[in-house]
Amino acid sequence: MGTNVKTIEKEFDSVKTFRAIKEKISKDIFQMTLPQIKEYLQKQKFNTPCSA
């Protein structure tokens, strides 16, 4: 008596994407001061494509 398990291929893996984004930010802000980090985040806010 076996169970049939279907695997669904994801078109978009949000966890994988989020981890990649976090890793990139961590590398970019490594050894920055708090004011530099704030400036970096402010600039990045306007560089990301809007999904709306």
N, C-alpha and C. Protein backbone atom coordinates (compact mmCIF):
# COMPACT_ATOMS: atom_id res chain seq x y z
N MET A 1 0.84 -1.16 0.00
CA MET A 1 0.00 0.00 0.00
C MET A 1 0.90 1.24 0.00
N GLY A 2 1.14 1.79 -1.18
CA GLY A 2 2.03 2.94 -1.32
C GLY A 2 1.25 4.22 -1.54
N THR A 3 1.91 5.27 -1.26
CA THR A 3 1.31 6.59 -1.47
C THR A 3 1.97 7.23 -2.67
N ASN A 4 1.16 7.69 -3.59
CA ASN A 4 1.70 8.38 -4.75
C ASN A 4 1.88 9.85 -4.41
N VAL A 5 3.12 10.30 -4.53
CA VAL A 5 3.43 11.70 -4.22
C VAL A 5 3.85 12.37 -5.52
N LYS A 6 3.15 13.43 -5.86
CA LYS A 6 3.49 14.17 -7.05
C LYS A 6 4.34 15.37 -6.65
N THR A 7 5.43 15.57 -7.37
CA THR A 7 6.25 16.74 -7.12
C THR A 7 5.89 17.79 -8.16
N ILE A 8 5.71 18.99 -7.70
CA ILE A 8 5.35 20.08 -8.58
C ILE A 8 6.57 20.96 -8.79
N GLU A 9 6.89 21.20 -10.03
CA GLU A 9 8.02 22.06 -10.37
C GLU A 9 7.60 23.51 -10.20
N LYS A 10 8.32 24.22 -9.34
CA LYS A 10 7.99 25.61 -9.07
C LYS A 10 8.54 26.51 -10.18
N GLU A 11 7.76 27.51 -10.56
CA GLU A 11 8.24 28.49 -11.51
C GLU A 11 9.11 29.53 -10.81
N PHE A 12 8.77 29.82 -9.56
CA PHE A 12 9.49 30.83 -8.79
C PHE A 12 9.68 30.33 -7.37
N ASP A 13 10.91 30.26 -6.92
CA ASP A 13 11.21 29.80 -5.57
C ASP A 13 11.53 31.02 -4.71
N SER A 14 10.55 31.44 -3.93
CA SER A 14 10.69 32.67 -3.15
C SER A 14 11.76 32.54 -2.06
N VAL A 15 11.88 31.38 -1.44
CA VAL A 15 12.88 31.19 -0.38
C VAL A 15 14.28 31.31 -0.97
N LYS A 16 14.51 30.66 -2.09
CA LYS A 16 15.82 30.72 -2.74
C LYS A 16 16.16 32.16 -3.15
N THR A 17 15.19 32.86 -3.70
CA THR A 17 15.39 34.24 -4.13
C THR A 17 15.69 35.14 -2.93
N PHE A 18 14.90 34.99 -1.86
CA PHE A 18 15.09 35.82 -0.67
C PHE A 18 16.47 35.59 -0.06
N ARG A 19 16.91 34.34 -0.01
CA ARG A 19 18.24 34.05 0.54
C ARG A 19 19.34 34.68 -0.31
N ALA A 20 19.18 34.63 -1.62
CA ALA A 20 20.18 35.23 -2.52
C ALA A 20 20.24 36.74 -2.31
N ILE A 21 19.09 37.38 -2.16
CA ILE A 21 19.05 38.82 -1.92
C ILE A 21 19.73 39.16 -0.60
N LYS A 22 19.42 38.38 0.46
CA LYS A 22 20.02 38.63 1.77
C LYS A 22 21.54 38.47 1.72
N GLU A 23 22.02 37.47 1.00
CA GLU A 23 23.46 37.25 0.89
C GLU A 23 24.14 38.40 0.16
N LYS A 24 23.51 38.90 -0.91
CA LYS A 24 24.08 40.01 -1.66
C LYS A 24 24.16 41.26 -0.79
N ILE A 25 23.10 41.55 -0.05
CA ILE A 25 23.10 42.72 0.83
C ILE A 25 24.17 42.58 1.90
N SER A 26 24.28 41.38 2.49
CA SER A 26 25.29 41.15 3.52
C SER A 26 26.70 41.41 3.00
N LYS A 27 26.97 40.94 1.77
CA LYS A 27 28.29 41.18 1.18
C LYS A 27 28.51 42.65 0.88
N ASP A 28 27.46 43.33 0.41
CA ASP A 28 27.58 44.74 0.05
C ASP A 28 27.82 45.63 1.27
N ILE A 29 27.17 45.34 2.39
CA ILE A 29 27.26 46.23 3.55
C ILE A 29 28.31 45.80 4.57
N PHE A 30 29.05 44.74 4.26
CA PHE A 30 30.08 44.26 5.16
C PHE A 30 31.06 45.38 5.46
N GLN A 31 31.30 45.64 6.71
CA GLN A 31 32.23 46.65 7.22
C GLN A 31 31.79 48.09 6.93
N MET A 32 30.51 48.32 6.67
CA MET A 32 30.01 49.69 6.52
C MET A 32 29.58 50.21 7.88
N THR A 33 29.64 51.51 8.03
CA THR A 33 29.13 52.14 9.24
C THR A 33 27.60 52.26 9.10
N LEU A 34 26.93 52.56 10.21
CA LEU A 34 25.47 52.68 10.18
C LEU A 34 25.01 53.76 9.19
N PRO A 35 25.62 54.93 9.16
CA PRO A 35 25.19 55.93 8.17
C PRO A 35 25.39 55.45 6.72
N GLN A 36 26.48 54.71 6.48
CA GLN A 36 26.73 54.17 5.14
C GLN A 36 25.67 53.12 4.78
N ILE A 37 25.28 52.30 5.74
CA ILE A 37 24.26 51.29 5.51
C ILE A 37 22.93 51.95 5.19
N LYS A 38 22.58 52.99 5.94
CA LYS A 38 21.32 53.71 5.68
C LYS A 38 21.32 54.31 4.28
N GLU A 39 22.44 54.89 3.88
CA GLU A 39 22.55 55.47 2.55
C GLU A 39 22.43 54.39 1.47
N TYR A 40 23.10 53.26 1.69
CA TYR A 40 23.03 52.13 0.75
C TYR A 40 21.58 51.67 0.58
N LEU A 41 20.88 51.48 1.69
CA LEU A 41 19.50 51.00 1.63
C LEU A 41 18.59 52.02 0.96
N GLN A 42 18.82 53.29 1.21
CA GLN A 42 18.02 54.34 0.58
C GLN A 42 18.21 54.31 -0.94
N LYS A 43 19.45 54.15 -1.38
CA LYS A 43 19.73 54.10 -2.82
C LYS A 43 19.12 52.84 -3.44
N GLN A 44 19.20 51.71 -2.75
CA GLN A 44 18.69 50.45 -3.27
C GLN A 44 17.17 50.48 -3.40
N LYS A 45 16.52 51.24 -2.55
CA LYS A 45 15.07 51.33 -2.59
C LYS A 45 14.59 51.80 -3.97
N PHE A 46 15.35 52.67 -4.59
CA PHE A 46 14.96 53.23 -5.88
C PHE A 46 15.52 52.44 -7.07
N ASN A 47 16.42 51.50 -6.81
CA ASN A 47 17.02 50.72 -7.90
C ASN A 47 16.31 49.40 -8.15
N THR A 48 15.36 49.03 -7.31
CA THR A 48 14.68 47.75 -7.49
C THR A 48 13.45 47.93 -8.38
N PRO A 49 13.19 46.97 -9.26
CA PRO A 49 12.01 47.06 -10.11
C PRO A 49 10.74 46.88 -9.28
N CYS A 50 9.75 47.62 -9.60
CA CYS A 50 8.48 47.57 -8.87
C CYS A 50 7.60 46.49 -9.50
N SER A 51 7.03 45.65 -8.67
CA SER A 51 6.19 44.55 -9.19
C SER A 51 4.73 44.95 -9.32
N ALA A 52 4.37 46.16 -8.94
CA ALA A 52 2.96 46.58 -9.01
C ALA A 52 2.60 47.13 -10.37
